[in-house]
Amino acid sequence: MSEANDPALRTGPALEAMHRFVLWLIPTVEKFPRSQKFLLGDRIQTTALDVLERLIEATYTRGRERLLVEANVGIEKLRILFRIAHELRLVDARRYEHSARNLDEIGRLVGGWIKVNRAAQG
């Protein structure tokens, strides 16, 4: 893939990582039992989509600090919601580890973005 066609270079690594996570997440939540698909599953999906939206907004907005902090809080919410899903045996250890690794990566990318944004503002 050429650099011009690399989505991460157009949107940024945090947004692209979150996009990949959401693509993995949706079919994962669809496997939840009916009793939790519309409660915990819906909350997880809504939170993930909210984080994705904040990162999109931060990509195309000058005042991105608040959006990035909101995205960071959403990532923390997802960590806790996935932990609950794992403890309720709605996701197996492999999927829980996958989510934890990805959310840690996205959190580091957003944290780095916040740091760069603060440095640029002086």
PDB file of N, CA and C in Angstrom:
ATOM      1  N   MET A   1       0.851  -1.181   0.000  1.00  0.00           N
ATOM      2  CA  MET A   1       0.000   0.000   0.000  1.00  0.00           C
ATOM      3  C   MET A   1       0.890   1.235   0.000  1.00  0.00           C
ATOM      4  N   SER A   2       0.591   2.159  -0.896  1.00  0.00           N
ATOM      5  CA  SER A   2       1.385   3.379  -0.947  1.00  0.00           C
ATOM      6  C   SER A   2       1.022   4.279   0.220  1.00  0.00           C
ATOM      7  N   GLU A   3       1.925   5.211   0.513  1.00  0.00           N
ATOM      8  CA  GLU A   3       1.665   6.136   1.629  1.00  0.00           C
ATOM      9  C   GLU A   3       0.398   6.942   1.397  1.00  0.00           C
ATOM     10  N   ALA A   4       0.120   7.315   0.152  1.00  0.00           N
ATOM     11  CA  ALA A   4      -1.068   8.113  -0.158  1.00  0.00           C
ATOM     12  C   ALA A   4      -2.352   7.337   0.112  1.00  0.00           C
ATOM     13  N   ASN A   5      -2.288   6.015   0.044  1.00  0.00           N
ATOM     14  CA  ASN A   5      -3.473   5.184   0.257  1.00  0.00           C
ATOM     15  C   ASN A   5      -3.585   4.648   1.674  1.00  0.00           C
ATOM     16  N   ASP A   6      -2.633   4.982   2.539  1.00  0.00           N
ATOM     17  CA  ASP A   6      -2.644   4.483   3.908  1.00  0.00           C
ATOM     18  C   ASP A   6      -3.634   5.302   4.729  1.00  0.00           C
ATOM     19  N   PRO A   7      -4.769   4.674   5.175  1.00  0.00           N
ATOM     20  CA  PRO A   7      -5.779   5.431   5.928  1.00  0.00           C
ATOM     21  C   PRO A   7      -5.225   6.058   7.204  1.00  0.00           C
ATOM     22  N   ALA A   8      -4.255   5.420   7.849  1.00  0.00           N
ATOM     23  CA  ALA A   8      -3.702   5.951   9.101  1.00  0.00           C
ATOM     24  C   ALA A   8      -2.996   7.287   8.878  1.00  0.00           C
ATOM     25  N   LEU A   9      -2.441   7.492   7.678  1.00  0.00           N
ATOM     26  CA  LEU A   9      -1.772   8.762   7.399  1.00  0.00           C
ATOM     27  C   LEU A   9      -2.776   9.873   7.136  1.00  0.00           C
ATOM     28  N   ARG A  10      -3.973   9.526   6.704  1.00  0.00           N
ATOM     29  CA  ARG A  10      -5.004  10.541   6.461  1.00  0.00           C
ATOM     30  C   ARG A  10      -5.764  10.865   7.740  1.00  0.00           C
ATOM     31  N   THR A  11      -5.988   9.864   8.590  1.00  0.00           N
ATOM     32  CA  THR A  11      -6.834  10.072   9.764  1.00  0.00           C
ATOM     33  C   THR A  11      -6.072  10.027  11.072  1.00  0.00           C
ATOM     34  N   GLY A  12      -4.903   9.482  11.105  1.00  0.00           N
ATOM     35  CA  GLY A  12      -4.130   9.373  12.332  1.00  0.00           C
ATOM     36  C   GLY A  12      -4.217   7.978  12.920  1.00  0.00           C
ATOM     37  N   PRO A  13      -3.169   7.571  13.607  1.00  0.00           N
ATOM     38  CA  PRO A  13      -3.106   6.196  14.113  1.00  0.00           C
ATOM     39  C   PRO A  13      -4.144   5.875  15.182  1.00  0.00           C
ATOM     40  N   ALA A  14      -4.502   6.832  16.044  1.00  0.00           N
ATOM     41  CA  ALA A  14      -5.489   6.544  17.095  1.00  0.00           C
ATOM     42  C   ALA A  14      -6.851   6.274  16.482  1.00  0.00           C
ATOM     43  N   LEU A  15      -7.253   7.104  15.549  1.00  0.00           N
ATOM     44  CA  LEU A  15      -8.552   6.916  14.884  1.00  0.00           C
ATOM     45  C   LEU A  15      -8.566   5.607  14.107  1.00  0.00           C
ATOM     46  N   GLU A  16      -7.491   5.317  13.408  1.00  0.00           N
ATOM     47  CA  GLU A  16      -7.442   4.082  12.616  1.00  0.00           C
ATOM     48  C   GLU A  16      -7.468   2.850  13.521  1.00  0.00           C
ATOM     49  N   ALA A  17      -6.762   2.886  14.649  1.00  0.00           N
ATOM     50  CA  ALA A  17      -6.773   1.760  15.594  1.00  0.00           C
ATOM     51  C   ALA A  17      -8.165   1.569  16.185  1.00  0.00           C
ATOM     52  N   MET A  18      -8.840   2.659  16.494  1.00  0.00           N
ATOM     53  CA  MET A  18     -10.192   2.571  17.045  1.00  0.00           C
ATOM     54  C   MET A  18     -11.159   2.034  15.995  1.00  0.00           C
ATOM     55  N   HIS A  19     -10.983   2.438  14.765  1.00  0.00           N
ATOM     56  CA  HIS A  19     -11.801   1.935  13.660  1.00  0.00           C
ATOM     57  C   HIS A  19     -11.671   0.417  13.559  1.00  0.00           C
ATOM     58  N   ARG A  20     -10.433  -0.072  13.587  1.00  0.00           N
ATOM     59  CA  ARG A  20     -10.211  -1.536  13.527  1.00  0.00           C
ATOM     60  C   ARG A  20     -10.849  -2.227  14.729  1.00  0.00           C
ATOM     61  N   PHE A  21     -10.741  -1.610  15.904  1.00  0.00           N
ATOM     62  CA  PHE A  21     -11.318  -2.196  17.110  1.00  0.00           C
ATOM     63  C   PHE A  21     -12.838  -2.310  16.980  1.00  0.00           C
ATOM     64  N   VAL A  22     -13.486  -1.271  16.480  1.00  0.00           N
ATOM     65  CA  VAL A  22     -14.942  -1.296  16.317  1.00  0.00           C
ATOM     66  C   VAL A  22     -15.347  -2.382  15.317  1.00  0.00           C
ATOM     67  N   LEU A  23     -14.571  -2.540  14.244  1.00  0.00           N
ATOM     68  CA  LEU A  23     -14.879  -3.599  13.271  1.00  0.00           C
ATOM     69  C   LEU A  23     -14.792  -4.982  13.911  1.00  0.00           C
ATOM     70  N   TRP A  24     -13.869  -5.171  14.840  1.00  0.00           N
ATOM     71  CA  TRP A  24     -13.763  -6.444  15.573  1.00  0.00           C
ATOM     72  C   TRP A  24     -14.874  -6.553  16.620  1.00  0.00           C
ATOM     73  N   LEU A  25     -15.175  -5.444  17.268  1.00  0.00           N
ATOM     74  CA  LEU A  25     -16.104  -5.428  18.394  1.00  0.00           C
ATOM     75  C   LEU A  25     -17.537  -5.803  18.015  1.00  0.00           C
ATOM     76  N   ILE A  26     -18.044  -5.251  16.947  1.00  0.00           N
ATOM     77  CA  ILE A  26     -19.454  -5.434  16.609  1.00  0.00           C
ATOM     78  C   ILE A  26     -19.823  -6.910  16.459  1.00  0.00           C
ATOM     79  N   PRO A  27     -19.096  -7.700  15.668  1.00  0.00           N
ATOM     80  CA  PRO A  27     -19.462  -9.122  15.603  1.00  0.00           C
ATOM     81  C   PRO A  27     -19.219  -9.867  16.922  1.00  0.00           C
ATOM     82  N   THR A  28     -18.275  -9.386  17.721  1.00  0.00           N
ATOM     83  CA  THR A  28     -18.023 -10.014  19.020  1.00  0.00           C
ATOM     84  C   THR A  28     -19.220  -9.827  19.941  1.00  0.00           C
ATOM     85  N   VAL A  29     -19.762  -8.624  19.984  1.00  0.00           N
ATOM     86  CA  VAL A  29     -20.911  -8.342  20.844  1.00  0.00           C
ATOM     87  C   VAL A  29     -22.164  -9.061  20.336  1.00  0.00           C
ATOM     88  N   GLU A  30     -22.252  -9.250  19.035  1.00  0.00           N
ATOM     89  CA  GLU A  30     -23.406  -9.963  18.467  1.00  0.00           C
ATOM     90  C   GLU A  30     -23.495 -11.393  18.999  1.00  0.00           C
ATOM     91  N   LYS A  31     -22.398 -11.923  19.499  1.00  0.00           N
ATOM     92  CA  LYS A  31     -22.378 -13.293  20.043  1.00  0.00           C
ATOM     93  C   LYS A  31     -22.820 -13.354  21.499  1.00  0.00           C
ATOM     94  N   PHE A  32     -23.041 -12.191  22.119  1.00  0.00           N
ATOM     95  CA  PHE A  32     -23.531 -12.180  23.504  1.00  0.00           C
ATOM     96  C   PHE A  32     -24.899 -12.849  23.541  1.00  0.00           C
ATOM     97  N   PRO A  33     -25.232 -13.484  24.658  1.00  0.00           N
ATOM     98  CA  PRO A  33     -26.596 -14.021  24.783  1.00  0.00           C
ATOM     99  C   PRO A  33     -27.618 -12.887  24.710  1.00  0.00           C
ATOM    100  N   ARG A  34     -28.797 -13.221  24.245  1.00  0.00           N
ATOM    101  CA  ARG A  34     -29.856 -12.221  24.059  1.00  0.00           C
ATOM    102  C   ARG A  34     -30.074 -11.375  25.316  1.00  0.00           C
ATOM    103  N   SER A  35     -29.986 -11.986  26.476  1.00  0.00           N
ATOM    104  CA  SER A  35     -30.249 -11.266  27.722  1.00  0.00           C
ATOM    105  C   SER A  35     -29.261 -10.119  27.959  1.00  0.00           C
ATOM    106  N   GLN A  36     -28.048 -10.223  27.414  1.00  0.00           N
ATOM    107  CA  GLN A  36     -27.039  -9.178  27.617  1.00  0.00           C
ATOM    108  C   GLN A  36     -26.707  -8.399  26.352  1.00  0.00           C
ATOM    109  N   LYS A  37     -27.111  -8.921  25.196  1.00  0.00           N
ATOM    110  CA  LYS A  37     -26.806  -8.242  23.935  1.00  0.00           C
ATOM    111  C   LYS A  37     -27.400  -6.838  23.930  1.00  0.00           C
ATOM    112  N   PHE A  38     -28.598  -6.699  24.516  1.00  0.00           N
ATOM    113  CA  PHE A  38     -29.284  -5.415  24.460  1.00  0.00           C
ATOM    114  C   PHE A  38     -29.062  -4.574  25.704  1.00  0.00           C
ATOM    115  N   LEU A  39     -28.277  -5.066  26.642  1.00  0.00           N
ATOM    116  CA  LEU A  39     -27.967  -4.284  27.834  1.00  0.00           C
ATOM    117  C   LEU A  39     -26.473  -3.961  27.832  1.00  0.00           C
ATOM    118  N   LEU A  40     -25.658  -4.888  28.271  1.00  0.00           N
ATOM    119  CA  LEU A  40     -24.215  -4.668  28.328  1.00  0.00           C
ATOM    120  C   LEU A  40     -23.626  -4.549  26.923  1.00  0.00           C
ATOM    121  N   GLY A  41     -24.076  -5.386  26.017  1.00  0.00           N
ATOM    122  CA  GLY A  41     -23.564  -5.342  24.646  1.00  0.00           C
ATOM    123  C   GLY A  41     -23.831  -4.005  23.980  1.00  0.00           C
ATOM    124  N   ASP A  42     -25.045  -3.503  24.159  1.00  0.00           N
ATOM    125  CA  ASP A  42     -25.391  -2.211  23.577  1.00  0.00           C
ATOM    126  C   ASP A  42     -24.563  -1.091  24.196  1.00  0.00           C
ATOM    127  N   ARG A  43     -24.351  -1.159  25.508  1.00  0.00           N
ATOM    128  CA  ARG A  43     -23.554  -0.129  26.189  1.00  0.00           C
ATOM    129  C   ARG A  43     -22.117  -0.153  25.665  1.00  0.00           C
ATOM    130  N   ILE A  44     -21.560  -1.343  25.473  1.00  0.00           N
ATOM    131  CA  ILE A  44     -20.191  -1.458  24.951  1.00  0.00           C
ATOM    132  C   ILE A  44     -20.113  -0.869  23.545  1.00  0.00           C
ATOM    133  N   GLN A  45     -21.050  -1.246  22.690  1.00  0.00           N
ATOM    134  CA  GLN A  45     -21.027  -0.738  21.316  1.00  0.00           C
ATOM    135  C   GLN A  45     -21.218   0.777  21.276  1.00  0.00           C
ATOM    136  N   THR A  46     -22.157   1.290  22.057  1.00  0.00           N
ATOM    137  CA  THR A  46     -22.408   2.732  22.079  1.00  0.00           C
ATOM    138  C   THR A  46     -21.173   3.486  22.568  1.00  0.00           C
ATOM    139  N   THR A  47     -20.542   2.979  23.608  1.00  0.00           N
ATOM    140  CA  THR A  47     -19.338   3.632  24.143  1.00  0.00           C
ATOM    141  C   THR A  47     -18.223   3.617  23.105  1.00  0.00           C
ATOM    142  N   ALA A  48     -18.029   2.483  22.442  1.00  0.00           N
ATOM    143  CA  ALA A  48     -16.983   2.393  21.421  1.00  0.00           C
ATOM    144  C   ALA A  48     -17.261   3.350  20.266  1.00  0.00           C
ATOM    145  N   LEU A  49     -18.494   3.436  19.837  1.00  0.00           N
ATOM    146  CA  LEU A  49     -18.837   4.354  18.752  1.00  0.00           C
ATOM    147  C   LEU A  49     -18.693   5.808  19.192  1.00  0.00           C
ATOM    148  N   ASP A  50     -18.990   6.098  20.456  1.00  0.00           N
ATOM    149  CA  ASP A  50     -18.772   7.453  20.987  1.00  0.00           C
ATOM    150  C   ASP A  50     -17.288   7.813  20.947  1.00  0.00           C
ATOM    151  N   VAL A  51     -16.428   6.872  21.337  1.00  0.00           N
ATOM    152  CA  VAL A  51     -14.976   7.117  21.291  1.00  0.00           C
ATOM    153  C   VAL A  51     -14.556   7.373  19.847  1.00  0.00           C
ATOM    154  N   LEU A  52     -15.036   6.537  18.927  1.00  0.00           N
ATOM    155  CA  LEU A  52     -14.706   6.708  17.511  1.00  0.00           C
ATOM    156  C   LEU A  52     -15.136   8.103  17.025  1.00  0.00           C
ATOM    157  N   GLU A  53     -16.338   8.524  17.406  1.00  0.00           N
ATOM    158  CA  GLU A  53     -16.824   9.847  17.012  1.00  0.00           C
ATOM    159  C   GLU A  53     -15.955  10.963  17.593  1.00  0.00           C
ATOM    160  N   ARG A  54     -15.553  10.855  18.858  1.00  0.00           N
ATOM    161  CA  ARG A  54     -14.699  11.890  19.453  1.00  0.00           C
ATOM    162  C   ARG A  54     -13.371  11.974  18.688  1.00  0.00           C
ATOM    163  N   LEU A  55     -12.822  10.830  18.288  1.00  0.00           N
ATOM    164  CA  LEU A  55     -11.548  10.839  17.559  1.00  0.00           C
ATOM    165  C   LEU A  55     -11.712  11.428  16.159  1.00  0.00           C
ATOM    166  N   ILE A  56     -12.845  11.162  15.524  1.00  0.00           N
ATOM    167  CA  ILE A  56     -13.120  11.777  14.219  1.00  0.00           C
ATOM    168  C   ILE A  56     -13.208  13.293  14.388  1.00  0.00           C
ATOM    169  N   GLU A  57     -13.960  13.742  15.390  1.00  0.00           N
ATOM    170  CA  GLU A  57     -14.103  15.171  15.645  1.00  0.00           C
ATOM    171  C   GLU A  57     -12.753  15.812  15.954  1.00  0.00           C
ATOM    172  N   ALA A  58     -11.932  15.136  16.750  1.00  0.00           N
ATOM    173  CA  ALA A  58     -10.610  15.678  17.099  1.00  0.00           C
ATOM    174  C   ALA A  58      -9.714  15.776  15.866  1.00  0.00           C
ATOM    175  N   THR A  59      -9.885  14.867  14.921  1.00  0.00           N
ATOM    176  CA  THR A  59      -9.083  14.886  13.701  1.00  0.00           C
ATOM    177  C   THR A  59      -9.362  16.134  12.877  1.00  0.00           C
ATOM    178  N   TYR A  60     -10.598  16.587  12.898  1.00  0.00           N
ATOM    179  CA  TYR A  60     -11.003  17.680  12.018  1.00  0.00           C
ATOM    180  C   TYR A  60     -11.361  18.970  12.761  1.00  0.00           C
ATOM    181  N   THR A  61     -10.894  19.112  14.002  1.00  0.00           N
ATOM    182  CA  THR A  61     -11.200  20.276  14.819  1.00  0.00           C
ATOM    183  C   THR A  61      -9.915  20.855  15.394  1.00  0.00           C
ATOM    184  N   ARG A  62      -9.865  22.152  15.515  1.00  0.00           N
ATOM    185  CA  ARG A  62      -8.689  22.786  16.121  1.00  0.00           C
ATOM    186  C   ARG A  62      -8.667  22.582  17.631  1.00  0.00           C
ATOM    187  N   GLY A  63      -9.763  22.818  18.313  1.00  0.00           N
ATOM    188  CA  GLY A  63      -9.832  22.667  19.766  1.00  0.00           C
ATOM    189  C   GLY A  63     -10.103  21.221  20.129  1.00  0.00           C
ATOM    190  N   ARG A  64      -9.055  20.405  20.068  1.00  0.00           N
ATOM    191  CA  ARG A  64      -9.265  18.963  20.221  1.00  0.00           C
ATOM    192  C   ARG A  64      -9.019  18.421  21.621  1.00  0.00           C
ATOM    193  N   GLU A  65      -8.504  19.230  22.521  1.00  0.00           N
ATOM    194  CA  GLU A  65      -8.147  18.744  23.863  1.00  0.00           C
ATOM    195  C   GLU A  65      -9.338  18.076  24.569  1.00  0.00           C
ATOM    196  N   ARG A  66     -10.475  18.764  24.629  1.00  0.00           N
ATOM    197  CA  ARG A  66     -11.658  18.221  25.306  1.00  0.00           C
ATOM    198  C   ARG A  66     -12.112  16.913  24.651  1.00  0.00           C
ATOM    199  N   LEU A  67     -12.083  16.877  23.335  1.00  0.00           N
ATOM    200  CA  LEU A  67     -12.506  15.675  22.606  1.00  0.00           C
ATOM    201  C   LEU A  67     -11.585  14.498  22.905  1.00  0.00           C
ATOM    202  N   LEU A  68     -10.295  14.764  22.960  1.00  0.00           N
ATOM    203  CA  LEU A  68      -9.333  13.694  23.244  1.00  0.00           C
ATOM    204  C   LEU A  68      -9.474  13.187  24.673  1.00  0.00           C
ATOM    205  N   VAL A  69      -9.719  14.094  25.608  1.00  0.00           N
ATOM    206  CA  VAL A  69      -9.929  13.682  27.001  1.00  0.00           C
ATOM    207  C   VAL A  69     -11.208  12.843  27.095  1.00  0.00           C
ATOM    208  N   GLU A  70     -12.266  13.265  26.414  1.00  0.00           N
ATOM    209  CA  GLU A  70     -13.507  12.483  26.401  1.00  0.00           C
ATOM    210  C   GLU A  70     -13.279  11.099  25.792  1.00  0.00           C
ATOM    211  N   ALA A  71     -12.497  11.033  24.725  1.00  0.00           N
ATOM    212  CA  ALA A  71     -12.175   9.741  24.110  1.00  0.00           C
ATOM    213  C   ALA A  71     -11.414   8.862  25.102  1.00  0.00           C
ATOM    214  N   ASN A  72     -10.477   9.465  25.824  1.00  0.00           N
ATOM    215  CA  ASN A  72      -9.689   8.721  26.812  1.00  0.00           C
ATOM    216  C   ASN A  72     -10.580   8.155  27.912  1.00  0.00           C
ATOM    217  N   VAL A  73     -11.538   8.940  28.381  1.00  0.00           N
ATOM    218  CA  VAL A  73     -12.488   8.471  29.403  1.00  0.00           C
ATOM    219  C   VAL A  73     -13.316   7.317  28.831  1.00  0.00           C
ATOM    220  N   GLY A  74     -13.738   7.440  27.583  1.00  0.00           N
ATOM    221  CA  GLY A  74     -14.492   6.366  26.944  1.00  0.00           C
ATOM    222  C   GLY A  74     -13.703   5.077  26.836  1.00  0.00           C
ATOM    223  N   ILE A  75     -12.417   5.195  26.558  1.00  0.00           N
ATOM    224  CA  ILE A  75     -11.553   4.011  26.492  1.00  0.00           C
ATOM    225  C   ILE A  75     -11.498   3.332  27.853  1.00  0.00           C
ATOM    226  N   GLU A  76     -11.398   4.119  28.902  1.00  0.00           N
ATOM    227  CA  GLU A  76     -11.390   3.544  30.258  1.00  0.00           C
ATOM    228  C   GLU A  76     -12.717   2.861  30.563  1.00  0.00           C
ATOM    229  N   LYS A  77     -13.821   3.466  30.159  1.00  0.00           N
ATOM    230  CA  LYS A  77     -15.129   2.833  30.333  1.00  0.00           C
ATOM    231  C   LYS A  77     -15.171   1.482  29.616  1.00  0.00           C
ATOM    232  N   LEU A  78     -14.633   1.446  28.388  1.00  0.00           N
ATOM    233  CA  LEU A  78     -14.618   0.185  27.629  1.00  0.00           C
ATOM    234  C   LEU A  78     -13.801  -0.884  28.337  1.00  0.00           C
ATOM    235  N   ARG A  79     -12.666  -0.492  28.914  1.00  0.00           N
ATOM    236  CA  ARG A  79     -11.850  -1.463  29.657  1.00  0.00           C
ATOM    237  C   ARG A  79     -12.677  -2.109  30.771  1.00  0.00           C
ATOM    238  N   ILE A  80     -13.403  -1.281  31.509  1.00  0.00           N
ATOM    239  CA  ILE A  80     -14.189  -1.786  32.639  1.00  0.00           C
ATOM    240  C   ILE A  80     -15.374  -2.607  32.158  1.00  0.00           C
ATOM    241  N   LEU A  81     -16.051  -2.140  31.107  1.00  0.00           N
ATOM    242  CA  LEU A  81     -17.191  -2.887  30.575  1.00  0.00           C
ATOM    243  C   LEU A  81     -16.756  -4.253  30.042  1.00  0.00           C
ATOM    244  N   PHE A  82     -15.593  -4.310  29.379  1.00  0.00           N
ATOM    245  CA  PHE A  82     -15.096  -5.594  28.890  1.00  0.00           C
ATOM    246  C   PHE A  82     -14.699  -6.507  30.044  1.00  0.00           C
ATOM    247  N   ARG A  83     -14.165  -5.924  31.095  1.00  0.00           N
ATOM    248  CA  ARG A  83     -13.825  -6.731  32.273  1.00  0.00           C
ATOM    249  C   ARG A  83     -15.094  -7.355  32.859  1.00  0.00           C
ATOM    250  N   ILE A  84     -16.163  -6.573  32.950  1.00  0.00           N
ATOM    251  CA  ILE A  84     -17.438  -7.096  33.434  1.00  0.00           C
ATOM    252  C   ILE A  84     -17.937  -8.201  32.507  1.00  0.00           C
ATOM    253  N   ALA A  85     -17.864  -7.974  31.199  1.00  0.00           N
ATOM    254  CA  ALA A  85     -18.311  -8.981  30.234  1.00  0.00           C
ATOM    255  C   ALA A  85     -17.513 -10.278  30.400  1.00  0.00           C
ATOM    256  N   HIS A  86     -16.230 -10.144  30.657  1.00  0.00           N
ATOM    257  CA  HIS A  86     -15.393 -11.335  30.865  1.00  0.00           C
ATOM    258  C   HIS A  86     -15.782 -12.042  32.165  1.00  0.00           C
ATOM    259  N   GLU A  87     -15.963 -11.269  33.227  1.00  0.00           N
ATOM    260  CA  GLU A  87     -16.325 -11.866  34.515  1.00  0.00           C
ATOM    261  C   GLU A  87     -17.695 -12.542  34.468  1.00  0.00           C
ATOM    262  N   LEU A  88     -18.579 -12.049  33.608  1.00  0.00           N
ATOM    263  CA  LEU A  88     -19.888 -12.687  33.426  1.00  0.00           C
ATOM    264  C   LEU A  88     -19.848 -13.809  32.392  1.00  0.00           C
ATOM    265  N   ARG A  89     -18.647 -14.087  31.890  1.00  0.00           N
ATOM    266  CA  ARG A  89     -18.405 -15.134  30.891  1.00  0.00           C
ATOM    267  C   ARG A  89     -19.132 -14.874  29.570  1.00  0.00           C
ATOM    268  N   LEU A  90     -19.254 -13.595  29.221  1.00  0.00           N
ATOM    269  CA  LEU A  90     -19.835 -13.232  27.937  1.00  0.00           C
ATOM    270  C   LEU A  90     -18.771 -13.196  26.848  1.00  0.00           C
ATOM    271  N   VAL A  91     -17.516 -12.977  27.260  1.00  0.00           N
ATOM    272  CA  VAL A  91     -16.378 -13.073  26.341  1.00  0.00           C
ATOM    273  C   VAL A  91     -15.341 -13.988  26.982  1.00  0.00           C
ATOM    274  N   ASP A  92     -14.726 -14.799  26.140  1.00  0.00           N
ATOM    275  CA  ASP A  92     -13.711 -15.722  26.658  1.00  0.00           C
ATOM    276  C   ASP A  92     -12.397 -14.977  26.903  1.00  0.00           C
ATOM    277  N   ALA A  93     -11.455 -15.676  27.498  1.00  0.00           N
ATOM    278  CA  ALA A  93     -10.174 -15.060  27.872  1.00  0.00           C
ATOM    279  C   ALA A  93      -9.440 -14.515  26.655  1.00  0.00           C
ATOM    280  N   ARG A  94      -9.509 -15.220  25.547  1.00  0.00           N
ATOM    281  CA  ARG A  94      -8.803 -14.788  24.338  1.00  0.00           C
ATOM    282  C   ARG A  94      -9.360 -13.458  23.827  1.00  0.00           C
ATOM    283  N   ARG A  95     -10.663 -13.330  23.769  1.00  0.00           N
ATOM    284  CA  ARG A  95     -11.278 -12.072  23.310  1.00  0.00           C
ATOM    285  C   ARG A  95     -11.047 -10.951  24.326  1.00  0.00           C
ATOM    286  N   TYR A  96     -11.097 -11.290  25.601  1.00  0.00           N
ATOM    287  CA  TYR A  96     -10.841 -10.285  26.635  1.00  0.00           C
ATOM    288  C   TYR A  96      -9.409  -9.758  26.514  1.00  0.00           C
ATOM    289  N   GLU A  97      -8.449 -10.644  26.330  1.00  0.00           N
ATOM    290  CA  GLU A  97      -7.052 -10.227  26.162  1.00  0.00           C
ATOM    291  C   GLU A  97      -6.882  -9.381  24.906  1.00  0.00           C
ATOM    292  N   HIS A  98      -7.557  -9.781  23.834  1.00  0.00           N
ATOM    293  CA  HIS A  98      -7.489  -9.022  22.587  1.00  0.00           C
ATOM    294  C   HIS A  98      -8.015  -7.600  22.811  1.00  0.00           C
ATOM    295  N   SER A  99      -9.158  -7.493  23.497  1.00  0.00           N
ATOM    296  CA  SER A  99      -9.734  -6.166  23.749  1.00  0.00           C
ATOM    297  C   SER A  99      -8.801  -5.346  24.641  1.00  0.00           C
ATOM    298  N   ALA A 100      -8.246  -5.970  25.664  1.00  0.00           N
ATOM    299  CA  ALA A 100      -7.357  -5.252  26.587  1.00  0.00           C
ATOM    300  C   ALA A 100      -6.117  -4.730  25.861  1.00  0.00           C
ATOM    301  N   ARG A 101      -5.515  -5.565  25.027  1.00  0.00           N
ATOM    302  CA  ARG A 101      -4.325  -5.139  24.270  1.00  0.00           C
ATOM    303  C   ARG A 101      -4.667  -3.974  23.334  1.00  0.00           C
ATOM    304  N   ASN A 102      -5.774  -4.103  22.628  1.00  0.00           N
ATOM    305  CA  ASN A 102      -6.163  -3.055  21.686  1.00  0.00           C
ATOM    306  C   ASN A 102      -6.523  -1.756  22.394  1.00  0.00           C
ATOM    307  N   LEU A 103      -7.258  -1.853  23.487  1.00  0.00           N
ATOM    308  CA  LEU A 103      -7.623  -0.636  24.215  1.00  0.00           C
ATOM    309  C   LEU A 103      -6.400   0.024  24.834  1.00  0.00           C
ATOM    310  N   ASP A 104      -5.428  -0.774  25.281  1.00  0.00           N
ATOM    311  CA  ASP A 104      -4.175  -0.196  25.790  1.00  0.00           C
ATOM    312  C   ASP A 104      -3.439   0.557  24.676  1.00  0.00           C
ATOM    313  N   GLU A 105      -3.381  -0.058  23.493  1.00  0.00           N
ATOM    314  CA  GLU A 105      -2.717   0.593  22.358  1.00  0.00           C
ATOM    315  C   GLU A 105      -3.426   1.898  21.995  1.00  0.00           C
ATOM    316  N   ILE A 106      -4.742   1.850  21.899  1.00  0.00           N
ATOM    317  CA  ILE A 106      -5.507   3.048  21.546  1.00  0.00           C
ATOM    318  C   ILE A 106      -5.327   4.112  22.631  1.00  0.00           C
ATOM    319  N   GLY A 107      -5.351   3.718  23.889  1.00  0.00           N
ATOM    320  CA  GLY A 107      -5.137   4.657  24.983  1.00  0.00           C
ATOM    321  C   GLY A 107      -3.774   5.323  24.914  1.00  0.00           C
ATOM    322  N   ARG A 108      -2.742   4.551  24.578  1.00  0.00           N
ATOM    323  CA  ARG A 108      -1.402   5.134  24.429  1.00  0.00           C
ATOM    324  C   ARG A 108      -1.367   6.131  23.269  1.00  0.00           C
ATOM    325  N   LEU A 109      -2.017   5.773  22.163  1.00  0.00           N
ATOM    326  CA  LEU A 109      -2.041   6.666  21.005  1.00  0.00           C
ATOM    327  C   LEU A 109      -2.787   7.964  21.326  1.00  0.00           C
ATOM    328  N   VAL A 110      -3.915   7.864  22.003  1.00  0.00           N
ATOM    329  CA  VAL A 110      -4.671   9.059  22.375  1.00  0.00           C
ATOM    330  C   VAL A 110      -3.870   9.889  23.381  1.00  0.00           C
ATOM    331  N   GLY A 111      -3.241   9.232  24.354  1.00  0.00           N
ATOM    332  CA  GLY A 111      -2.404   9.943  25.324  1.00  0.00           C
ATOM    333  C   GLY A 111      -1.268  10.684  24.653  1.00  0.00           C
ATOM    334  N   GLY A 112      -0.648  10.053  23.666  1.00  0.00           N
ATOM    335  CA  GLY A 112       0.414  10.715  22.910  1.00  0.00           C
ATOM    336  C   GLY A 112      -0.110  11.908  22.124  1.00  0.00           C
ATOM    337  N   TRP A 113      -1.295  11.750  21.569  1.00  0.00           N
ATOM    338  CA  TRP A 113      -1.931  12.832  20.816  1.00  0.00           C
ATOM    339  C   TRP A 113      -2.220  14.017  21.740  1.00  0.00           C
ATOM    340  N   ILE A 114      -2.700  13.730  22.936  1.00  0.00           N
ATOM    341  CA  ILE A 114      -2.956  14.790  23.920  1.00  0.00           C
ATOM    342  C   ILE A 114      -1.654  15.525  24.238  1.00  0.00           C
ATOM    343  N   LYS A 115      -0.587  14.758  24.461  1.00  0.00           N
ATOM    344  CA  LYS A 115       0.710  15.356  24.806  1.00  0.00           C
ATOM    345  C   LYS A 115       1.224  16.242  23.670  1.00  0.00           C
ATOM    346  N   VAL A 116       1.138  15.769  22.436  1.00  0.00           N
ATOM    347  CA  VAL A 116       1.580  16.549  21.274  1.00  0.00           C
ATOM    348  C   VAL A 116       0.713  17.798  21.125  1.00  0.00           C
ATOM    349  N   ASN A 117      -0.576  17.646  21.327  1.00  0.00           N
ATOM    350  CA  ASN A 117      -1.489  18.784  21.213  1.00  0.00           C
ATOM    351  C   ASN A 117      -1.167  19.853  22.251  1.00  0.00           C
ATOM    352  N   ARG A 118      -0.881  19.429  23.480  1.00  0.00           N
ATOM    353  CA  ARG A 118      -0.529  20.385  24.547  1.00  0.00           C
ATOM    354  C   ARG A 118       0.775  21.092  24.234  1.00  0.00           C
ATOM    355  N   ALA A 119       1.754  20.343  23.725  1.00  0.00           N
ATOM    356  CA  ALA A 119       3.053  20.936  23.382  1.00  0.00           C
ATOM    357  C   ALA A 119       2.895  21.963  22.250  1.00  0.00           C
ATOM    358  N   ALA A 120       2.027  21.669  21.297  1.00  0.00           N
ATOM    359  CA  ALA A 120       1.824  22.574  20.158  1.00  0.00           C
ATOM    360  C   ALA A 120       1.134  23.869  20.599  1.00  0.00           C
ATOM    361  N   GLN A 121       0.355  23.790  21.674  1.00  0.00           N
ATOM    362  CA  GLN A 121      -0.346  24.989  22.152  1.00  0.00           C
ATOM    363  C   GLN A 121       0.535  25.826  23.073  1.00  0.00           C
ATOM    364  N   GLY A 122       1.721  25.318  23.376  1.00  0.00           N
ATOM    365  CA  GLY A 122       2.703  26.093  24.121  1.00  0.00           C
ATOM    366  C   GLY A 122       2.594  25.952  25.557  1.00  0.00           C
TER     367      GLY A 122
END
